[in-house]
Amino acid sequence: MIKKYVVSFNVDVELEIDESKFDNDFMEEFKQGFHEFNTIEEHITYLAELNLRGICDNRDFIEGYGETEEMGINFKRIDFIDEEIEEITE
């Protein structure tokens, strides 16, 4: 018998950014080449998702942003807060 499960973790990511780097010129250039983000909050959410998925951290070049240090981007992952395991029944 094969059983399927979904495992969910609640993880917090603390993200510091230098908002001065996200000026109008940057926002327009980013929209043209990547995503149509209109707010800094959309960038924060996207960057946190990339970090949670293991795509980037504090030592990386992030496509569309550049070097994290130069852009004033700093991630701090906080340990797992909670977990949930759910059996999928078909």
Protein backbone atom coordinates (compact mmCIF):
# COMPACT_ATOMS: atom_id res chain seq x y z
CA MET A 1 0.00 0.00 0.00
CA ILE A 2 1.26 3.46 -0.90
CA LYS A 3 0.20 6.43 1.18
CA LYS A 4 0.71 10.09 0.33
CA TYR A 5 1.39 12.83 2.85
CA VAL A 6 1.74 16.58 2.76
CA VAL A 7 4.26 17.94 5.23
CA SER A 8 4.00 21.64 5.99
CA PHE A 9 6.41 23.69 8.05
CA ASN A 10 5.81 27.12 9.47
CA VAL A 11 9.13 28.92 9.13
CA ASP A 12 9.84 32.57 9.70
CA VAL A 13 12.34 34.51 7.62
CA GLU A 14 13.56 37.84 8.87
CA LEU A 15 14.53 40.03 5.94
CA GLU A 16 16.36 43.32 6.12
CA ILE A 17 16.57 45.46 3.02
CA ASP A 18 17.97 48.86 2.22
CA GLU A 19 14.83 50.53 0.88
CA SER A 20 16.89 53.29 -0.74
CA LYS A 21 18.15 50.70 -3.26
CA PHE A 22 14.55 50.09 -4.39
CA ASP A 23 14.12 53.52 -5.95
CA ASN A 24 11.88 54.35 -8.93
CA ASP A 25 14.62 53.55 -11.47
CA PHE A 26 15.20 50.11 -9.96
CA MET A 27 11.47 49.38 -9.74
CA GLU A 28 10.89 50.28 -13.41
CA GLU A 29 13.90 48.32 -14.63
CA PHE A 30 12.85 45.28 -12.60
CA LYS A 31 9.32 45.44 -14.05
CA GLN A 32 10.66 45.49 -17.60
CA GLY A 33 12.91 42.47 -17.17
CA PHE A 34 11.36 40.33 -14.47
CA HIS A 35 8.08 40.79 -12.59
CA GLU A 36 5.53 43.58 -12.48
CA PHE A 37 5.98 44.34 -8.80
CA ASN A 38 4.55 47.72 -7.83
CA THR A 39 5.45 47.77 -4.15
CA ILE A 40 8.44 47.04 -2.00
CA GLU A 41 6.26 44.55 -0.10
CA GLU A 42 5.96 42.45 -3.27
CA HIS A 43 9.76 42.37 -3.51
CA ILE A 44 10.04 41.41 0.17
CA THR A 45 7.58 38.53 -0.28
CA TYR A 46 9.36 37.31 -3.41
CA LEU A 47 12.81 37.46 -1.79
CA ALA A 48 11.57 35.62 1.31
CA GLU A 49 10.06 32.90 -0.89
CA LEU A 50 13.34 32.50 -2.78
CA ASN A 51 15.18 32.15 0.52
CA LEU A 52 12.71 29.62 1.92
CA ARG A 53 13.00 27.53 -1.25
CA GLY A 54 16.79 27.53 -0.84
CA ILE A 55 17.39 29.50 -4.02
CA CYS A 56 19.30 32.36 -2.41
CA ASP A 57 20.92 33.45 0.82
CA ASN A 58 23.17 36.26 2.05
CA ARG A 59 26.10 35.28 -0.17
CA ASP A 60 24.33 35.14 -3.49
CA PHE A 61 23.80 37.04 -6.67
CA ILE A 62 20.03 37.20 -7.22
CA GLU A 63 18.90 37.67 -10.80
CA GLY A 64 17.24 41.07 -11.09
CA TYR A 65 18.69 42.32 -7.81
CA GLY A 66 22.44 41.75 -7.99
CA GLU A 67 24.67 40.86 -5.05
CA THR A 68 22.70 40.64 -1.81
CA GLU A 69 25.28 42.66 0.11
CA GLU A 70 25.34 45.46 -2.47
CA MET A 71 21.52 45.64 -2.50
CA GLY A 72 21.36 45.70 1.29
CA ILE A 73 19.47 42.40 1.40
CA ASN A 74 20.02 40.31 4.52
CA PHE A 75 18.18 37.09 5.35
CA LYS A 76 17.89 35.51 8.76
CA ARG A 77 15.97 32.25 8.87
CA ILE A 78 14.34 31.49 12.16
CA ASP A 79 14.03 27.83 13.12
CA PHE A 80 10.93 25.81 12.40
CA ILE A 81 8.08 27.02 14.53
CA ASP A 82 5.58 24.26 13.87
CA GLU A 83 4.98 21.35 11.55
CA GLU A 84 1.92 19.63 10.23
CA ILE A 85 1.63 16.26 8.54
CA GLU A 86 -1.55 15.41 6.68
CA GLU A 87 -2.37 12.12 5.04
CA ILE A 88 -3.92 12.49 1.59
CA THR A 89 -6.78 10.13 1.01
CA GLU A 90 -7.93 9.44 -2.49
